[in-house]
Amino acid sequence: MSKFGELISANVPVLFNFFTDWNEDSTSMHPVLRDVAAALGDRAKIIKINVDKNPELSEALRIKGLPTMIIYKNGEMKWRQSGPQDGNSLITLLKQYAQ
């Protein structure tokens, strides 16, 4: 989990997408997140975390619904939401925290 600590400390917003391969809502977000990453370039980071492969982190963050998205910046959680999200809304949110 020390790598997670490094990731959340970034001075750009970091969007974590907690997902599983067997959850349809989770997998439907992959192309949306690719578009978000392409739109924002180096102004934000997008990191996908498979909850089946990272049970300790998922438990520590109390991930219940999938997908769950969390935005961190400078070590602080800024936003959290479960369920599929709209790409444009995510871009707007990340731009807001990128300033």
C-alpha atoms as a PDB file:
ATOM      1  CA  MET A   1       0.000   0.000   0.000  1.00  0.00           C
ATOM      2  CA  SER A   2       3.017   2.321   0.166  1.00  0.00           C
ATOM      3  CA  LYS A   3       2.774   2.707  -3.623  1.00  0.00           C
ATOM      4  CA  PHE A   4      -0.806   3.934  -3.121  1.00  0.00           C
ATOM      5  CA  GLY A   5       0.519   6.562  -0.696  1.00  0.00           C
ATOM      6  CA  GLU A   6       2.937   7.777  -3.369  1.00  0.00           C
ATOM      7  CA  LEU A   7       0.171   7.916  -5.982  1.00  0.00           C
ATOM      8  CA  ILE A   8      -2.290   9.940  -3.890  1.00  0.00           C
ATOM      9  CA  SER A   9       0.403  12.465  -2.999  1.00  0.00           C
ATOM     10  CA  ALA A  10       0.716  13.673  -6.591  1.00  0.00           C
ATOM     11  CA  ASN A  11       0.238  17.392  -7.163  1.00  0.00           C
ATOM     12  CA  VAL A  12      -2.101  16.619 -10.075  1.00  0.00           C
ATOM     13  CA  PRO A  13      -5.520  15.049  -9.505  1.00  0.00           C
ATOM     14  CA  VAL A  14      -5.454  11.249  -9.562  1.00  0.00           C
ATOM     15  CA  LEU A  15      -8.653   9.415 -10.466  1.00  0.00           C
ATOM     16  CA  PHE A  16      -8.760   5.861  -9.147  1.00  0.00           C
ATOM     17  CA  ASN A  17     -11.218   3.511 -10.788  1.00  0.00           C
ATOM     18  CA  PHE A  18     -11.933   0.479  -8.596  1.00  0.00           C
ATOM     19  CA  PHE A  19     -13.376  -2.268 -10.804  1.00  0.00           C
ATOM     20  CA  THR A  20     -13.699  -5.997 -11.492  1.00  0.00           C
ATOM     21  CA  ASP A  21     -13.633  -7.806 -14.808  1.00  0.00           C
ATOM     22  CA  TRP A  22     -16.897  -9.591 -14.026  1.00  0.00           C
ATOM     23  CA  ASN A  23     -18.940  -6.411 -13.357  1.00  0.00           C
ATOM     24  CA  GLU A  24     -20.525  -5.007 -16.527  1.00  0.00           C
ATOM     25  CA  ASP A  25     -20.743  -1.436 -15.186  1.00  0.00           C
ATOM     26  CA  SER A  26     -17.037  -1.616 -14.338  1.00  0.00           C
ATOM     27  CA  THR A  27     -15.938  -2.803 -17.755  1.00  0.00           C
ATOM     28  CA  SER A  28     -18.178  -0.270 -19.510  1.00  0.00           C
ATOM     29  CA  MET A  29     -16.093   2.507 -17.904  1.00  0.00           C
ATOM     30  CA  HIS A  30     -12.786   1.447 -19.520  1.00  0.00           C
ATOM     31  CA  PRO A  31     -13.340   3.232 -22.876  1.00  0.00           C
ATOM     32  CA  VAL A  32     -14.761   6.277 -21.046  1.00  0.00           C
ATOM     33  CA  LEU A  33     -11.644   6.496 -18.885  1.00  0.00           C
ATOM     34  CA  ARG A  34      -9.393   6.159 -21.941  1.00  0.00           C
ATOM     35  CA  ASP A  35     -11.167   9.175 -23.444  1.00  0.00           C
ATOM     36  CA  VAL A  36     -10.842  11.129 -20.174  1.00  0.00           C
ATOM     37  CA  ALA A  37      -7.115  10.337 -19.994  1.00  0.00           C
ATOM     38  CA  ALA A  38      -6.642  11.404 -23.626  1.00  0.00           C
ATOM     39  CA  ALA A  39      -8.535  14.663 -23.057  1.00  0.00           C
ATOM     40  CA  LEU A  40      -6.529  15.633 -19.969  1.00  0.00           C
ATOM     41  CA  GLY A  41      -3.043  14.423 -20.875  1.00  0.00           C
ATOM     42  CA  ASP A  42      -0.570  15.165 -18.083  1.00  0.00           C
ATOM     43  CA  ARG A  43      -2.985  17.410 -16.138  1.00  0.00           C
ATOM     44  CA  ALA A  44      -4.386  14.334 -14.344  1.00  0.00           C
ATOM     45  CA  LYS A  45      -3.672  10.643 -13.816  1.00  0.00           C
ATOM     46  CA  ILE A  46      -6.139   7.801 -14.254  1.00  0.00           C
ATOM     47  CA  ILE A  47      -5.379   4.580 -12.405  1.00  0.00           C
ATOM     48  CA  LYS A  48      -7.471   1.425 -12.617  1.00  0.00           C
ATOM     49  CA  ILE A  49      -7.416  -0.898  -9.610  1.00  0.00           C
ATOM     50  CA  ASN A  50      -8.896  -4.383  -9.817  1.00  0.00           C
ATOM     51  CA  VAL A  51     -10.535  -5.040  -6.439  1.00  0.00           C
ATOM     52  CA  ASP A  52     -10.109  -8.814  -6.849  1.00  0.00           C
ATOM     53  CA  LYS A  53      -6.328  -8.364  -7.101  1.00  0.00           C
ATOM     54  CA  ASN A  54      -6.127  -5.658  -4.388  1.00  0.00           C
ATOM     55  CA  PRO A  55      -8.442  -6.824  -1.584  1.00  0.00           C
ATOM     56  CA  GLU A  56      -6.511  -5.091   1.234  1.00  0.00           C
ATOM     57  CA  LEU A  57      -6.674  -1.670  -0.416  1.00  0.00           C
ATOM     58  CA  SER A  58     -10.320  -2.167  -1.385  1.00  0.00           C
ATOM     59  CA  GLU A  59     -11.170  -3.122   2.198  1.00  0.00           C
ATOM     60  CA  ALA A  60      -9.190  -0.201   3.652  1.00  0.00           C
ATOM     61  CA  LEU A  61     -11.097   2.239   1.421  1.00  0.00           C
ATOM     62  CA  ARG A  62     -14.420   0.474   2.066  1.00  0.00           C
ATOM     63  CA  ILE A  63     -15.121  -0.123  -1.624  1.00  0.00           C
ATOM     64  CA  LYS A  64     -18.617  -1.631  -1.808  1.00  0.00           C
ATOM     65  CA  GLY A  65     -20.271  -0.643  -5.103  1.00  0.00           C
ATOM     66  CA  LEU A  66     -18.570  -1.075  -8.453  1.00  0.00           C
ATOM     67  CA  PRO A  67     -17.229   0.778 -10.161  1.00  0.00           C
ATOM     68  CA  THR A  68     -16.123   3.233  -7.473  1.00  0.00           C
ATOM     69  CA  MET A  69     -14.171   6.306  -8.510  1.00  0.00           C
ATOM     70  CA  ILE A  70     -12.125   8.401  -6.123  1.00  0.00           C
ATOM     71  CA  ILE A  71     -10.156  11.565  -6.882  1.00  0.00           C
ATOM     72  CA  TYR A  72      -7.135  12.403  -4.726  1.00  0.00           C
ATOM     73  CA  LYS A  73      -4.835  15.398  -4.906  1.00  0.00           C
ATOM     74  CA  ASN A  74      -1.891  16.149  -2.606  1.00  0.00           C
ATOM     75  CA  GLY A  75      -2.816  13.178  -0.414  1.00  0.00           C
ATOM     76  CA  GLU A  76      -6.382  14.340   0.179  1.00  0.00           C
ATOM     77  CA  MET A  77      -9.566  12.696  -1.072  1.00  0.00           C
ATOM     78  CA  LYS A  78     -11.466  15.309  -3.073  1.00  0.00           C
ATOM     79  CA  TRP A  79     -14.363  13.316  -4.549  1.00  0.00           C
ATOM     80  CA  ARG A  80     -15.850   9.832  -4.432  1.00  0.00           C
ATOM     81  CA  GLN A  81     -18.713   8.230  -6.320  1.00  0.00           C
ATOM     82  CA  SER A  82     -19.935   4.701  -7.035  1.00  0.00           C
ATOM     83  CA  GLY A  83     -21.568   3.611 -10.267  1.00  0.00           C
ATOM     84  CA  PRO A  84     -20.898   4.449 -13.902  1.00  0.00           C
ATOM     85  CA  GLN A  85     -19.919   8.060 -14.585  1.00  0.00           C
ATOM     86  CA  ASP A  86     -20.168  10.306 -17.615  1.00  0.00           C
ATOM     87  CA  GLY A  87     -16.831  11.103 -19.275  1.00  0.00           C
ATOM     88  CA  ASN A  88     -17.525  14.824 -19.644  1.00  0.00           C
ATOM     89  CA  SER A  89     -18.433  15.096 -15.956  1.00  0.00           C
ATOM     90  CA  LEU A  90     -15.172  13.391 -14.983  1.00  0.00           C
ATOM     91  CA  ILE A  91     -13.175  15.707 -17.257  1.00  0.00           C
ATOM     92  CA  THR A  92     -14.863  18.748 -15.694  1.00  0.00           C
ATOM     93  CA  LEU A  93     -14.182  17.461 -12.161  1.00  0.00           C
ATOM     94  CA  LEU A  94     -10.542  16.685 -12.859  1.00  0.00           C
ATOM     95  CA  LYS A  95      -9.967  20.064 -14.505  1.00  0.00           C
ATOM     96  CA  GLN A  96     -11.472  21.735 -11.447  1.00  0.00           C
ATOM     97  CA  TYR A  97      -8.977  19.958  -9.165  1.00  0.00           C
ATOM     98  CA  ALA A  98      -6.070  20.467 -11.578  1.00  0.00           C
ATOM     99  CA  GLN A  99      -5.971  24.189 -10.835  1.00  0.00           C
END
